[in-house]
Amino acid sequence: MDFDWDDGNVWHLSERHNITAEEAVEAFYSQFVLVAFQDREGEFRRFALGQTLAGKVLVFIYILRRQKVRIITAFPAKKRLQRLY
């Protein structure tokens, strides 16, 4: 599956959450768990938990747009969500 990135999105992950785009993709390809859904202005957002190859559990929010995955944001999961995963 292809991913849709732009410079602002990659910057946001790195600077705000200390996550690389590669880590977000790793979490997406892990056996992720869908936690919630949200319809926001016509876009169906999925909230999920996944794990990087290094073992970091991430929360990530993504949409499917034009047959591509767009990860809106990703950040380290709090302890409670790590246990849930």
C-alpha atoms as a PDB file:
ATOM      1  CA  MET A   1       0.000   0.000   0.000  1.00  0.00           C
ATOM      2  CA  ASP A   2       1.280   3.473  -0.850  1.00  0.00           C
ATOM      3  CA  PHE A   3       1.554   6.303   1.650  1.00  0.00           C
ATOM      4  CA  ASP A   4       0.775   9.989   1.116  1.00  0.00           C
ATOM      5  CA  TRP A   5       3.311  12.285   2.827  1.00  0.00           C
ATOM      6  CA  ASP A   6       4.089  15.963   2.589  1.00  0.00           C
ATOM      7  CA  ASP A   7       6.864  18.000   4.206  1.00  0.00           C
ATOM      8  CA  GLY A   8       4.547  19.519   6.810  1.00  0.00           C
ATOM      9  CA  ASN A   9       3.251  16.147   7.884  1.00  0.00           C
ATOM     10  CA  VAL A  10       6.750  14.654   8.227  1.00  0.00           C
ATOM     11  CA  TRP A  11       7.915  17.759  10.123  1.00  0.00           C
ATOM     12  CA  HIS A  12       4.940  17.489  12.503  1.00  0.00           C
ATOM     13  CA  LEU A  13       5.751  13.868  13.367  1.00  0.00           C
ATOM     14  CA  SER A  14       9.417  14.626  13.919  1.00  0.00           C
ATOM     15  CA  GLU A  15       9.283  17.938  15.730  1.00  0.00           C
ATOM     16  CA  ARG A  16       6.101  17.555  17.780  1.00  0.00           C
ATOM     17  CA  HIS A  17       6.218  13.837  18.604  1.00  0.00           C
ATOM     18  CA  ASN A  18       9.802  12.674  17.967  1.00  0.00           C
ATOM     19  CA  ILE A  19       8.534  10.019  15.534  1.00  0.00           C
ATOM     20  CA  THR A  20       9.878   9.353  12.050  1.00  0.00           C
ATOM     21  CA  ALA A  21       7.668   8.649   9.054  1.00  0.00           C
ATOM     22  CA  GLU A  22       9.366   5.240   8.872  1.00  0.00           C
ATOM     23  CA  GLU A  23       8.304   4.432  12.443  1.00  0.00           C
ATOM     24  CA  ALA A  24       4.723   5.401  11.647  1.00  0.00           C
ATOM     25  CA  VAL A  25       4.770   3.067   8.637  1.00  0.00           C
ATOM     26  CA  GLU A  26       6.215   0.261  10.770  1.00  0.00           C
ATOM     27  CA  ALA A  27       3.359   0.703  13.252  1.00  0.00           C
ATOM     28  CA  PHE A  28       0.854   0.628  10.387  1.00  0.00           C
ATOM     29  CA  TYR A  29       2.278  -2.657   9.094  1.00  0.00           C
ATOM     30  CA  SER A  30       2.408  -4.244  12.554  1.00  0.00           C
ATOM     31  CA  GLN A  31      -0.578  -6.134  13.857  1.00  0.00           C
ATOM     32  CA  PHE A  32      -2.268  -2.896  14.756  1.00  0.00           C
ATOM     33  CA  VAL A  33      -5.432  -2.580  16.788  1.00  0.00           C
ATOM     34  CA  LEU A  34      -8.166  -0.165  15.739  1.00  0.00           C
ATOM     35  CA  VAL A  35      -9.285   1.791  18.781  1.00  0.00           C
ATOM     36  CA  ALA A  36     -11.768   4.342  17.444  1.00  0.00           C
ATOM     37  CA  PHE A  37     -13.254   5.947  14.360  1.00  0.00           C
ATOM     38  CA  GLN A  38     -14.207   9.534  13.642  1.00  0.00           C
ATOM     39  CA  ASP A  39     -15.998  11.152  10.718  1.00  0.00           C
ATOM     40  CA  ARG A  40     -14.390  14.562  10.459  1.00  0.00           C
ATOM     41  CA  GLU A  41     -15.580  16.845   7.690  1.00  0.00           C
ATOM     42  CA  GLY A  42     -16.292  13.914   5.401  1.00  0.00           C
ATOM     43  CA  GLU A  43     -13.037  12.064   6.084  1.00  0.00           C
ATOM     44  CA  PHE A  44     -13.245   8.779   7.966  1.00  0.00           C
ATOM     45  CA  ARG A  45     -10.366   8.819  10.470  1.00  0.00           C
ATOM     46  CA  ARG A  46      -9.108   5.641  12.092  1.00  0.00           C
ATOM     47  CA  PHE A  47      -7.333   5.709  15.465  1.00  0.00           C
ATOM     48  CA  ALA A  48      -5.024   2.742  15.974  1.00  0.00           C
ATOM     49  CA  LEU A  49      -2.265   1.291  18.132  1.00  0.00           C
ATOM     50  CA  GLY A  50       0.743  -0.363  16.538  1.00  0.00           C
ATOM     51  CA  GLN A  51       4.338  -1.217  17.282  1.00  0.00           C
ATOM     52  CA  THR A  52       7.588  -0.225  15.575  1.00  0.00           C
ATOM     53  CA  LEU A  53      10.304  -2.767  14.827  1.00  0.00           C
ATOM     54  CA  ALA A  54      12.176  -1.373  17.856  1.00  0.00           C
ATOM     55  CA  GLY A  55       9.176  -2.169  20.073  1.00  0.00           C
ATOM     56  CA  LYS A  56       7.845   1.367  20.541  1.00  0.00           C
ATOM     57  CA  VAL A  57       4.028   1.355  20.811  1.00  0.00           C
ATOM     58  CA  LEU A  58       2.472   4.224  18.878  1.00  0.00           C
ATOM     59  CA  VAL A  59      -0.947   5.753  18.585  1.00  0.00           C
ATOM     60  CA  PHE A  60      -1.523   6.740  14.983  1.00  0.00           C
ATOM     61  CA  ILE A  61      -4.397   8.350  13.171  1.00  0.00           C
ATOM     62  CA  TYR A  62      -4.841   7.776   9.482  1.00  0.00           C
ATOM     63  CA  ILE A  63      -7.231   8.130   6.571  1.00  0.00           C
ATOM     64  CA  LEU A  64      -7.478   6.418   3.220  1.00  0.00           C
ATOM     65  CA  ARG A  65      -7.369   8.972   0.423  1.00  0.00           C
ATOM     66  CA  ARG A  66      -7.178   8.205  -3.288  1.00  0.00           C
ATOM     67  CA  GLN A  67      -6.099   4.621  -2.591  1.00  0.00           C
ATOM     68  CA  LYS A  68      -3.224   5.782  -0.365  1.00  0.00           C
ATOM     69  CA  VAL A  69      -2.710   5.786   3.387  1.00  0.00           C
ATOM     70  CA  ARG A  70      -2.253   9.238   4.886  1.00  0.00           C
ATOM     71  CA  ILE A  71      -0.989   9.127   8.439  1.00  0.00           C
ATOM     72  CA  ILE A  72      -2.220  12.345   9.972  1.00  0.00           C
ATOM     73  CA  THR A  73      -0.251  12.014  13.184  1.00  0.00           C
ATOM     74  CA  ALA A  74       1.512   9.466  15.342  1.00  0.00           C
ATOM     75  CA  PHE A  75       2.839   9.676  18.868  1.00  0.00           C
ATOM     76  CA  PRO A  76       4.105   7.387  21.634  1.00  0.00           C
ATOM     77  CA  ALA A  77       1.298   5.631  23.476  1.00  0.00           C
ATOM     78  CA  LYS A  78       0.752   6.368  27.158  1.00  0.00           C
ATOM     79  CA  LYS A  79       1.293   3.477  29.584  1.00  0.00           C
ATOM     80  CA  ARG A  80      -2.411   2.590  29.740  1.00  0.00           C
ATOM     81  CA  LEU A  81      -2.637   2.251  25.963  1.00  0.00           C
ATOM     82  CA  GLN A  82       0.633   0.312  25.858  1.00  0.00           C
ATOM     83  CA  ARG A  83      -0.942  -2.247  28.196  1.00  0.00           C
ATOM     84  CA  LEU A  84      -4.052  -2.342  26.024  1.00  0.00           C
ATOM     85  CA  TYR A  85      -1.937  -3.123  22.980  1.00  0.00           C
END
